[in-house]
């Protein structure tokens, strides 16, 4: 089983969302779970807009705040694997699908 070391800053950010990956948890799985949470929140935000809870002019600010909250999603799945130590997708092992030259 592959082992991954999640940097403390990333692990703390994930914990704020209720995600606590172990060393055996693949980074793509964790990112997918975080993305599901983000999509749920963005849909809820849209529903709040449509319900008239805030003016349309404020919507962009709410979206920006949500994107800042979910900052780990700014990294691609390959980038997630490259910042984690270990595992089958570790930099230089060729498993991540990136250029190894």
PDB file of N, CA and C in Angstrom:
ATOM      1  N   UNK A   1       0.850  -1.185   0.000  1.00  0.00           N
ATOM      2  CA  UNK A   1       0.000   0.000   0.000  1.00  0.00           C
ATOM      3  C   UNK A   1       0.893   1.245   0.000  1.00  0.00           C
ATOM      4  N   UNK A   2       0.567   2.193  -0.859  1.00  0.00           N
ATOM      5  CA  UNK A   2       1.329   3.442  -0.940  1.00  0.00           C
ATOM      6  C   UNK A   2       1.070   4.289   0.300  1.00  0.00           C
ATOM      7  N   UNK A   3       2.082   5.027   0.705  1.00  0.00           N
ATOM      8  CA  UNK A   3       1.929   5.942   1.840  1.00  0.00           C
ATOM      9  C   UNK A   3       2.213   7.362   1.371  1.00  0.00           C
ATOM     10  N   UNK A   4       1.412   8.288   1.859  1.00  0.00           N
ATOM     11  CA  UNK A   4       1.517   9.694   1.486  1.00  0.00           C
ATOM     12  C   UNK A   4       1.703  10.522   2.747  1.00  0.00           C
ATOM     13  N   UNK A   5       2.525  11.542   2.659  1.00  0.00           N
ATOM     14  CA  UNK A   5       2.698  12.476   3.760  1.00  0.00           C
ATOM     15  C   UNK A   5       2.093  13.803   3.338  1.00  0.00           C
ATOM     16  N   UNK A   6       1.010  14.183   4.005  1.00  0.00           N
ATOM     17  CA  UNK A   6       0.327  15.437   3.698  1.00  0.00           C
ATOM     18  C   UNK A   6       1.009  16.573   4.451  1.00  0.00           C
ATOM     19  N   UNK A   7       1.462  17.630   3.759  1.00  0.00           N
ATOM     20  CA  UNK A   7       2.078  18.767   4.443  1.00  0.00           C
ATOM     21  C   UNK A   7       1.121  19.327   5.500  1.00  0.00           C
ATOM     22  N   UNK A   8       1.668  19.822   6.586  1.00  0.00           N
ATOM     23  CA  UNK A   8       0.839  20.271   7.709  1.00  0.00           C
ATOM     24  C   UNK A   8      -0.165  21.350   7.300  1.00  0.00           C
ATOM     25  N   UNK A   9       0.239  22.283   6.453  1.00  0.00           N
ATOM     26  CA  UNK A   9      -0.678  23.347   6.033  1.00  0.00           C
ATOM     27  C   UNK A   9      -1.880  22.772   5.273  1.00  0.00           C
ATOM     28  N   UNK A  10      -1.618  21.806   4.416  1.00  0.00           N
ATOM     29  CA  UNK A  10      -2.697  21.168   3.665  1.00  0.00           C
ATOM     30  C   UNK A  10      -3.557  20.312   4.585  1.00  0.00           C
ATOM     31  N   UNK A  11      -2.929  19.559   5.465  1.00  0.00           N
ATOM     32  CA  UNK A  11      -3.672  18.707   6.400  1.00  0.00           C
ATOM     33  C   UNK A  11      -4.590  19.541   7.295  1.00  0.00           C
ATOM     34  N   UNK A  12      -4.101  20.688   7.753  1.00  0.00           N
ATOM     35  CA  UNK A  12      -4.920  21.573   8.594  1.00  0.00           C
ATOM     36  C   UNK A  12      -6.091  22.143   7.805  1.00  0.00           C
ATOM     37  N   UNK A  13      -5.853  22.525   6.556  1.00  0.00           N
ATOM     38  CA  UNK A  13      -6.924  23.053   5.715  1.00  0.00           C
ATOM     39  C   UNK A  13      -7.983  21.983   5.478  1.00  0.00           C
ATOM     40  N   UNK A  14      -7.554  20.748   5.223  1.00  0.00           N
ATOM     41  CA  UNK A  14      -8.497  19.662   4.995  1.00  0.00           C
ATOM     42  C   UNK A  14      -9.304  19.345   6.248  1.00  0.00           C
ATOM     43  N   UNK A  15      -8.653  19.417   7.393  1.00  0.00           N
ATOM     44  CA  UNK A  15      -9.339  19.146   8.650  1.00  0.00           C
ATOM     45  C   UNK A  15     -10.474  20.134   8.892  1.00  0.00           C
ATOM     46  N   UNK A  16     -10.307  21.359   8.435  1.00  0.00           N
ATOM     47  CA  UNK A  16     -11.360  22.372   8.576  1.00  0.00           C
ATOM     48  C   UNK A  16     -12.622  21.970   7.813  1.00  0.00           C
ATOM     49  N   UNK A  17     -12.475  21.087   6.833  1.00  0.00           N
ATOM     50  CA  UNK A  17     -13.618  20.591   6.059  1.00  0.00           C
ATOM     51  C   UNK A  17     -14.087  19.224   6.560  1.00  0.00           C
ATOM     52  N   UNK A  18     -13.476  18.759   7.633  1.00  0.00           N
ATOM     53  CA  UNK A  18     -13.840  17.453   8.166  1.00  0.00           C
ATOM     54  C   UNK A  18     -13.132  16.304   7.472  1.00  0.00           C
ATOM     55  N   UNK A  19     -12.102  16.610   6.711  1.00  0.00           N
ATOM     56  CA  UNK A  19     -11.333  15.582   6.007  1.00  0.00           C
ATOM     57  C   UNK A  19     -10.012  15.373   6.731  1.00  0.00           C
ATOM     58  N   UNK A  20      -9.763  14.147   7.130  1.00  0.00           N
ATOM     59  CA  UNK A  20      -8.531  13.821   7.844  1.00  0.00           C
ATOM     60  C   UNK A  20      -7.880  12.615   7.178  1.00  0.00           C
ATOM     61  N   UNK A  21      -7.210  12.826   6.035  1.00  0.00           N
ATOM     62  CA  UNK A  21      -6.611  11.701   5.328  1.00  0.00           C
ATOM     63  C   UNK A  21      -5.486  11.055   6.124  1.00  0.00           C
ATOM     64  N   UNK A  22      -5.414   9.743   6.011  1.00  0.00           N
ATOM     65  CA  UNK A  22      -4.329   8.991   6.621  1.00  0.00           C
ATOM     66  C   UNK A  22      -3.218   8.822   5.594  1.00  0.00           C
ATOM     67  N   UNK A  23      -2.130   8.259   6.003  1.00  0.00           N
ATOM     68  CA  UNK A  23      -1.003   8.090   5.080  1.00  0.00           C
ATOM     69  C   UNK A  23      -1.348   7.185   3.904  1.00  0.00           C
ATOM     70  N   UNK A  24      -2.339   6.341   4.052  1.00  0.00           N
ATOM     71  CA  UNK A  24      -2.731   5.457   2.963  1.00  0.00           C
ATOM     72  C   UNK A  24      -3.811   6.022   2.062  1.00  0.00           C
ATOM     73  N   UNK A  25      -4.270   7.242   2.346  1.00  0.00           N
ATOM     74  CA  UNK A  25      -5.342   7.842   1.556  1.00  0.00           C
ATOM     75  C   UNK A  25      -4.764   8.520   0.315  1.00  0.00           C
ATOM     76  N   UNK A  26      -5.143   8.043  -0.873  1.00  0.00           N
ATOM     77  CA  UNK A  26      -4.608   8.652  -2.099  1.00  0.00           C
ATOM     78  C   UNK A  26      -5.036  10.115  -2.232  1.00  0.00           C
ATOM     79  N   UNK A  27      -4.125  10.975  -2.669  1.00  0.00           N
ATOM     80  CA  UNK A  27      -4.441  12.401  -2.777  1.00  0.00           C
ATOM     81  C   UNK A  27      -5.587  12.706  -3.740  1.00  0.00           C
ATOM     82  N   UNK A  28      -5.721  11.934  -4.801  1.00  0.00           N
ATOM     83  CA  UNK A  28      -6.823  12.188  -5.743  1.00  0.00           C
ATOM     84  C   UNK A  28      -8.172  11.933  -5.092  1.00  0.00           C
ATOM     85  N   UNK A  29      -8.251  10.947  -4.222  1.00  0.00           N
ATOM     86  CA  UNK A  29      -9.492  10.667  -3.504  1.00  0.00           C
ATOM     87  C   UNK A  29      -9.839  11.832  -2.582  1.00  0.00           C
ATOM     88  N   UNK A  30      -8.846  12.334  -1.865  1.00  0.00           N
ATOM     89  CA  UNK A  30      -9.072  13.453  -0.946  1.00  0.00           C
ATOM     90  C   UNK A  30      -9.489  14.692  -1.731  1.00  0.00           C
ATOM     91  N   UNK A  31      -8.820  14.959  -2.846  1.00  0.00           N
ATOM     92  CA  UNK A  31      -9.168  16.125  -3.667  1.00  0.00           C
ATOM     93  C   UNK A  31     -10.581  15.990  -4.212  1.00  0.00           C
ATOM     94  N   UNK A  32     -10.948  14.788  -4.645  1.00  0.00           N
ATOM     95  CA  UNK A  32     -12.313  14.569  -5.143  1.00  0.00           C
ATOM     96  C   UNK A  32     -13.350  14.814  -4.053  1.00  0.00           C
ATOM     97  N   UNK A  33     -13.066  14.377  -2.837  1.00  0.00           N
ATOM     98  CA  UNK A  33     -13.984  14.610  -1.727  1.00  0.00           C
ATOM     99  C   UNK A  33     -14.115  16.105  -1.447  1.00  0.00           C
ATOM    100  N   UNK A  34     -12.992  16.810  -1.462  1.00  0.00           N
ATOM    101  CA  UNK A  34     -13.021  18.250  -1.239  1.00  0.00           C
ATOM    102  C   UNK A  34     -13.785  18.949  -2.359  1.00  0.00           C
ATOM    103  N   UNK A  35     -13.586  18.507  -3.581  1.00  0.00           N
ATOM    104  CA  UNK A  35     -14.296  19.087  -4.713  1.00  0.00           C
ATOM    105  C   UNK A  35     -15.804  18.866  -4.587  1.00  0.00           C
ATOM    106  N   UNK A  36     -16.213  17.697  -4.114  1.00  0.00           N
ATOM    107  CA  UNK A  36     -17.641  17.433  -3.891  1.00  0.00           C
ATOM    108  C   UNK A  36     -18.225  18.407  -2.869  1.00  0.00           C
ATOM    109  N   UNK A  37     -17.477  18.671  -1.800  1.00  0.00           N
ATOM    110  CA  UNK A  37     -17.941  19.634  -0.790  1.00  0.00           C
ATOM    111  C   UNK A  37     -18.067  21.030  -1.392  1.00  0.00           C
ATOM    112  N   UNK A  38     -17.077  21.427  -2.187  1.00  0.00           N
ATOM    113  CA  UNK A  38     -17.108  22.735  -2.838  1.00  0.00           C
ATOM    114  C   UNK A  38     -18.322  22.849  -3.755  1.00  0.00           C
ATOM    115  N   UNK A  39     -18.543  21.841  -4.561  1.00  0.00           N
ATOM    116  CA  UNK A  39     -19.686  21.874  -5.486  1.00  0.00           C
ATOM    117  C   UNK A  39     -21.005  21.968  -4.731  1.00  0.00           C
ATOM    118  N   UNK A  40     -21.106  21.265  -3.602  1.00  0.00           N
ATOM    119  CA  UNK A  40     -22.320  21.352  -2.786  1.00  0.00           C
ATOM    120  C   UNK A  40     -22.506  22.785  -2.278  1.00  0.00           C
ATOM    121  N   UNK A  41     -21.416  23.392  -1.795  1.00  0.00           N
ATOM    122  CA  UNK A  41     -21.509  24.761  -1.272  1.00  0.00           C
ATOM    123  C   UNK A  41     -21.816  25.780  -2.359  1.00  0.00           C
ATOM    124  N   UNK A  42     -21.225  25.624  -3.536  1.00  0.00           N
ATOM    125  CA  UNK A  42     -21.472  26.592  -4.612  1.00  0.00           C
ATOM    126  C   UNK A  42     -22.921  26.482  -5.086  1.00  0.00           C
ATOM    127  N   UNK A  43     -23.460  25.270  -5.103  1.00  0.00           N
ATOM    128  CA  UNK A  43     -24.875  25.104  -5.466  1.00  0.00           C
ATOM    129  C   UNK A  43     -25.786  25.701  -4.405  1.00  0.00           C
ATOM    130  N   UNK A  44     -25.422  25.521  -3.163  1.00  0.00           N
ATOM    131  CA  UNK A  44     -26.196  26.121  -2.067  1.00  0.00           C
ATOM    132  C   UNK A  44     -26.158  27.643  -2.160  1.00  0.00           C
ATOM    133  N   UNK A  45     -25.004  28.183  -2.510  1.00  0.00           N
ATOM    134  CA  UNK A  45     -24.861  29.625  -2.685  1.00  0.00           C
ATOM    135  C   UNK A  45     -25.770  30.124  -3.809  1.00  0.00           C
ATOM    136  N   UNK A  46     -25.784  29.393  -4.917  1.00  0.00           N
ATOM    137  CA  UNK A  46     -26.657  29.755  -6.042  1.00  0.00           C
ATOM    138  C   UNK A  46     -28.132  29.715  -5.607  1.00  0.00           C
ATOM    139  N   UNK A  47     -28.499  28.694  -4.837  1.00  0.00           N
ATOM    140  CA  UNK A  47     -29.878  28.589  -4.346  1.00  0.00           C
ATOM    141  C   UNK A  47     -30.234  29.768  -3.441  1.00  0.00           C
ATOM    142  N   UNK A  48     -29.275  30.205  -2.627  1.00  0.00           N
ATOM    143  CA  UNK A  48     -29.502  31.365  -1.757  1.00  0.00           C
ATOM    144  C   UNK A  48     -29.697  32.629  -2.585  1.00  0.00           C
ATOM    145  N   UNK A  49     -28.913  32.759  -3.668  1.00  0.00           N
ATOM    146  CA  UNK A  49     -29.070  33.897  -4.565  1.00  0.00           C
ATOM    147  C   UNK A  49     -30.467  33.895  -5.176  1.00  0.00           C
ATOM    148  N   UNK A  50     -30.872  32.743  -5.687  1.00  0.00           N
ATOM    149  CA  UNK A  50     -32.186  32.636  -6.328  1.00  0.00           C
ATOM    150  C   UNK A  50     -33.330  32.844  -5.342  1.00  0.00           C
ATOM    151  N   UNK A  51     -33.085  32.553  -4.064  1.00  0.00           N
ATOM    152  CA  UNK A  51     -34.096  32.759  -3.030  1.00  0.00           C
ATOM    153  C   UNK A  51     -34.141  34.217  -2.574  1.00  0.00           C
ATOM    154  N   UNK A  52     -33.223  35.036  -3.089  1.00  0.00           N
ATOM    155  CA  UNK A  52     -33.221  36.455  -2.749  1.00  0.00           C
ATOM    156  C   UNK A  52     -32.571  36.795  -1.425  1.00  0.00           C
ATOM    157  N   UNK A  53     -31.706  35.909  -0.911  1.00  0.00           N
ATOM    158  CA  UNK A  53     -31.052  36.167   0.377  1.00  0.00           C
ATOM    159  C   UNK A  53     -30.024  37.290   0.303  1.00  0.00           C
ATOM    160  N   UNK A  54     -29.516  37.560  -0.894  1.00  0.00           N
ATOM    161  CA  UNK A  54     -28.576  38.657  -1.087  1.00  0.00           C
ATOM    162  C   UNK A  54     -28.703  39.132  -2.525  1.00  0.00           C
ATOM    163  N   UNK A  55     -28.311  40.378  -2.814  1.00  0.00           N
ATOM    164  CA  UNK A  55     -28.430  40.895  -4.178  1.00  0.00           C
ATOM    165  C   UNK A  55     -27.438  40.222  -5.131  1.00  0.00           C
ATOM    166  N   UNK A  56     -27.811  40.176  -6.389  1.00  0.00           N
ATOM    167  CA  UNK A  56     -26.970  39.551  -7.406  1.00  0.00           C
ATOM    168  C   UNK A  56     -25.587  40.197  -7.467  1.00  0.00           C
ATOM    169  N   UNK A  57     -25.524  41.485  -7.220  1.00  0.00           N
ATOM    170  CA  UNK A  57     -24.241  42.198  -7.248  1.00  0.00           C
ATOM    171  C   UNK A  57     -23.255  41.650  -6.206  1.00  0.00           C
ATOM    172  N   UNK A  58     -23.760  41.044  -5.145  1.00  0.00           N
ATOM    173  CA  UNK A  58     -22.906  40.488  -4.094  1.00  0.00           C
ATOM    174  C   UNK A  58     -22.444  39.059  -4.387  1.00  0.00           C
ATOM    175  N   UNK A  59     -23.023  38.438  -5.408  1.00  0.00           N
ATOM    176  CA  UNK A  59     -22.755  37.032  -5.694  1.00  0.00           C
ATOM    177  C   UNK A  59     -21.270  36.768  -5.964  1.00  0.00           C
ATOM    178  N   UNK A  60     -20.648  37.615  -6.770  1.00  0.00           N
ATOM    179  CA  UNK A  60     -19.235  37.418  -7.109  1.00  0.00           C
ATOM    180  C   UNK A  60     -18.381  37.425  -5.845  1.00  0.00           C
ATOM    181  N   UNK A  61     -18.646  38.335  -4.936  1.00  0.00           N
ATOM    182  CA  UNK A  61     -17.889  38.388  -3.686  1.00  0.00           C
ATOM    183  C   UNK A  61     -18.041  37.113  -2.876  1.00  0.00           C
ATOM    184  N   UNK A  62     -19.248  36.557  -2.855  1.00  0.00           N
ATOM    185  CA  UNK A  62     -19.482  35.298  -2.142  1.00  0.00           C
ATOM    186  C   UNK A  62     -18.721  34.145  -2.806  1.00  0.00           C
ATOM    187  N   UNK A  63     -18.706  34.128  -4.136  1.00  0.00           N
ATOM    188  CA  UNK A  63     -17.989  33.080  -4.864  1.00  0.00           C
ATOM    189  C   UNK A  63     -16.490  33.189  -4.605  1.00  0.00           C
ATOM    190  N   UNK A  64     -15.960  34.397  -4.637  1.00  0.00           N
ATOM    191  CA  UNK A  64     -14.531  34.603  -4.375  1.00  0.00           C
ATOM    192  C   UNK A  64     -14.182  34.132  -2.966  1.00  0.00           C
ATOM    193  N   UNK A  65     -15.015  34.470  -1.995  1.00  0.00           N
ATOM    194  CA  UNK A  65     -14.769  34.037  -0.614  1.00  0.00           C
ATOM    195  C   UNK A  65     -14.788  32.511  -0.515  1.00  0.00           C
ATOM    196  N   UNK A  66     -15.698  31.894  -1.224  1.00  0.00           N
ATOM    197  CA  UNK A  66     -15.786  30.433  -1.217  1.00  0.00           C
ATOM    198  C   UNK A  66     -14.547  29.811  -1.869  1.00  0.00           C
ATOM    199  N   UNK A  67     -14.096  30.401  -2.960  1.00  0.00           N
ATOM    200  CA  UNK A  67     -12.896  29.880  -3.623  1.00  0.00           C
ATOM    201  C   UNK A  67     -11.662  30.030  -2.740  1.00  0.00           C
ATOM    202  N   UNK A  68     -11.577  31.117  -1.987  1.00  0.00           N
ATOM    203  CA  UNK A  68     -10.459  31.287  -1.055  1.00  0.00           C
ATOM    204  C   UNK A  68     -10.526  30.252   0.058  1.00  0.00           C
ATOM    205  N   UNK A  69     -11.732  29.961   0.509  1.00  0.00           N
ATOM    206  CA  UNK A  69     -11.930  28.958   1.560  1.00  0.00           C
ATOM    207  C   UNK A  69     -11.447  27.586   1.078  1.00  0.00           C
ATOM    208  N   UNK A  70     -11.687  27.300  -0.185  1.00  0.00           N
ATOM    209  CA  UNK A  70     -11.321  26.008  -0.773  1.00  0.00           C
ATOM    210  C   UNK A  70     -10.016  26.117  -1.564  1.00  0.00           C
ATOM    211  N   UNK A  71      -9.052  26.849  -1.048  1.00  0.00           N
ATOM    212  CA  UNK A  71      -7.796  27.084  -1.757  1.00  0.00           C
ATOM    213  C   UNK A  71      -7.066  25.813  -2.185  1.00  0.00           C
ATOM    214  N   UNK A  72      -7.169  24.684  -1.475  1.00  0.00           N
ATOM    215  CA  UNK A  72      -6.446  23.500  -1.971  1.00  0.00           C
ATOM    216  C   UNK A  72      -6.901  23.045  -3.358  1.00  0.00           C
ATOM    217  N   UNK A  73      -8.106  23.410  -3.762  1.00  0.00           N
ATOM    218  CA  UNK A  73      -8.582  23.025  -5.091  1.00  0.00           C
ATOM    219  C   UNK A  73      -7.908  23.826  -6.204  1.00  0.00           C
ATOM    220  N   UNK A  74      -7.137  24.845  -5.853  1.00  0.00           N
ATOM    221  CA  UNK A  74      -6.426  25.606  -6.881  1.00  0.00           C
ATOM    222  C   UNK A  74      -5.297  24.772  -7.490  1.00  0.00           C
ATOM    223  N   UNK A  75      -4.934  23.663  -6.831  1.00  0.00           N
ATOM    224  CA  UNK A  75      -3.922  22.750  -7.354  1.00  0.00           C
ATOM    225  C   UNK A  75      -4.591  21.650  -8.166  1.00  0.00           C
ATOM    226  N   UNK A  76      -3.988  21.288  -9.285  1.00  0.00           N
ATOM    227  CA  UNK A  76      -4.497  20.185 -10.099  1.00  0.00           C
ATOM    228  C   UNK A  76      -4.228  18.868  -9.366  1.00  0.00           C
ATOM    229  N   UNK A  77      -4.904  17.785  -9.765  1.00  0.00           N
ATOM    230  CA  UNK A  77      -4.613  16.488  -9.133  1.00  0.00           C
ATOM    231  C   UNK A  77      -3.126  16.110  -9.221  1.00  0.00           C
ATOM    232  N   UNK A  78      -2.485  16.380 -10.355  1.00  0.00           N
ATOM    233  CA  UNK A  78      -1.054  16.073 -10.474  1.00  0.00           C
ATOM    234  C   UNK A  78      -0.227  16.912  -9.507  1.00  0.00           C
ATOM    235  N   UNK A  79      -0.619  18.162  -9.314  1.00  0.00           N
ATOM    236  CA  UNK A  79       0.108  19.016  -8.372  1.00  0.00           C
ATOM    237  C   UNK A  79      -0.072  18.519  -6.941  1.00  0.00           C
ATOM    238  N   UNK A  80      -1.257  18.007  -6.619  1.00  0.00           N
ATOM    239  CA  UNK A  80      -1.472  17.433  -5.278  1.00  0.00           C
ATOM    240  C   UNK A  80      -0.461  16.328  -5.040  1.00  0.00           C
ATOM    241  N   UNK A  81      -0.326  15.446  -6.021  1.00  0.00           N
ATOM    242  CA  UNK A  81       0.599  14.332  -5.855  1.00  0.00           C
ATOM    243  C   UNK A  81       2.043  14.805  -5.765  1.00  0.00           C
ATOM    244  N   UNK A  82       2.365  15.881  -6.452  1.00  0.00           N
ATOM    245  CA  UNK A  82       3.750  16.342  -6.435  1.00  0.00           C
ATOM    246  C   UNK A  82       4.128  17.026  -5.118  1.00  0.00           C
ATOM    247  N   UNK A  83       3.168  17.576  -4.375  1.00  0.00           N
ATOM    248  CA  UNK A  83       3.501  18.219  -3.101  1.00  0.00           C
ATOM    249  C   UNK A  83       3.467  17.236  -1.941  1.00  0.00           C
ATOM    250  N   UNK A  84       2.906  16.054  -2.177  1.00  0.00           N
ATOM    251  CA  UNK A  84       2.889  15.037  -1.136  1.00  0.00           C
ATOM    252  C   UNK A  84       4.120  14.167  -1.274  1.00  0.00           C
ATOM    253  N   UNK A  85       4.604  13.683  -0.165  1.00  0.00           N
ATOM    254  CA  UNK A  85       5.806  12.867  -0.161  1.00  0.00           C
ATOM    255  C   UNK A  85       5.404  11.405  -0.113  1.00  0.00           C
ATOM    256  N   UNK A  86       5.976  10.611  -1.006  1.00  0.00           N
ATOM    257  CA  UNK A  86       5.727   9.174  -1.004  1.00  0.00           C
ATOM    258  C   UNK A  86       4.658   8.789  -1.984  1.00  0.00           C
ATOM    259  N   UNK A  87       4.219   7.554  -1.890  1.00  0.00           N
ATOM    260  CA  UNK A  87       3.144   7.072  -2.738  1.00  0.00           C
ATOM    261  C   UNK A  87       3.614   6.731  -4.132  1.00  0.00           C
ATOM    262  N   UNK A  88       2.706   6.136  -4.887  1.00  0.00           N
ATOM    263  CA  UNK A  88       3.023   5.710  -6.234  1.00  0.00           C
ATOM    264  C   UNK A  88       3.148   6.882  -7.185  1.00  0.00           C
ATOM    265  N   UNK A  89       2.553   8.030  -6.851  1.00  0.00           N
ATOM    266  CA  UNK A  89       2.606   9.189  -7.727  1.00  0.00           C
ATOM    267  C   UNK A  89       3.675  10.173  -7.323  1.00  0.00           C
ATOM    268  N   UNK A  90       4.654   9.707  -6.568  1.00  0.00           N
ATOM    269  CA  UNK A  90       5.711  10.601  -6.102  1.00  0.00           C
ATOM    270  C   UNK A  90       6.505  11.138  -7.280  1.00  0.00           C
ATOM    271  N   UNK A  91       6.986  12.371  -7.153  1.00  0.00           N
ATOM    272  CA  UNK A  91       7.758  12.949  -8.248  1.00  0.00           C
ATOM    273  C   UNK A  91       8.942  12.064  -8.624  1.00  0.00           C
ATOM    274  N   UNK A  92       9.151  11.922  -9.938  1.00  0.00           N
ATOM    275  CA  UNK A  92      10.304  11.173 -10.413  1.00  0.00           C
ATOM    276  C   UNK A  92      10.090   9.699 -10.607  1.00  0.00           C
ATOM    277  N   UNK A  93       8.929   9.141 -10.201  1.00  0.00           N
ATOM    278  CA  UNK A  93       8.738   7.712 -10.376  1.00  0.00           C
ATOM    279  C   UNK A  93       7.982   7.379 -11.644  1.00  0.00           C
ATOM    280  N   UNK A  94       7.520   8.397 -12.380  1.00  0.00           N
ATOM    281  CA  UNK A  94       6.842   8.170 -13.634  1.00  0.00           C
ATOM    282  C   UNK A  94       5.390   7.782 -13.513  1.00  0.00           C
ATOM    283  N   UNK A  95       4.860   7.561 -12.309  1.00  0.00           N
ATOM    284  CA  UNK A  95       3.493   7.091 -12.143  1.00  0.00           C
ATOM    285  C   UNK A  95       2.456   8.196 -12.213  1.00  0.00           C
ATOM    286  N   UNK A  96       2.887   9.428 -12.043  1.00  0.00           N
ATOM    287  CA  UNK A  96       1.920  10.522 -12.011  1.00  0.00           C
ATOM    288  C   UNK A  96       1.467  10.955 -13.395  1.00  0.00           C
ATOM    289  N   UNK A  97       2.077  10.435 -14.429  1.00  0.00           N
ATOM    290  CA  UNK A  97       1.688  10.786 -15.786  1.00  0.00           C
ATOM    291  C   UNK A  97       2.366  12.033 -16.312  1.00  0.00           C
ATOM    292  N   UNK A  98       3.191  12.671 -15.485  1.00  0.00           N
ATOM    293  CA  UNK A  98       3.875  13.893 -15.905  1.00  0.00           C
ATOM    294  C   UNK A  98       5.156  13.586 -16.650  1.00  0.00           C
ATOM    295  N   UNK A  99       5.810  14.624 -17.112  1.00  0.00           N
ATOM    296  CA  UNK A  99       7.071  14.490 -17.823  1.00  0.00           C
ATOM    297  C   UNK A  99       8.167  14.131 -16.826  1.00  0.00           C
ATOM    298  N   UNK A 100       8.884  13.062 -17.077  1.00  0.00           N
ATOM    299  CA  UNK A 100       9.926  12.619 -16.154  1.00  0.00           C
ATOM    300  C   UNK A 100      11.313  12.896 -16.677  1.00  0.00           C
ATOM    301  N   UNK A 101      11.416  13.694 -17.728  1.00  0.00           N
ATOM    302  CA  UNK A 101      12.746  13.972 -18.284  1.00  0.00           C
ATOM    303  C   UNK A 101      13.396  15.132 -17.595  1.00  0.00           C
TER     304      UNK A 101
END
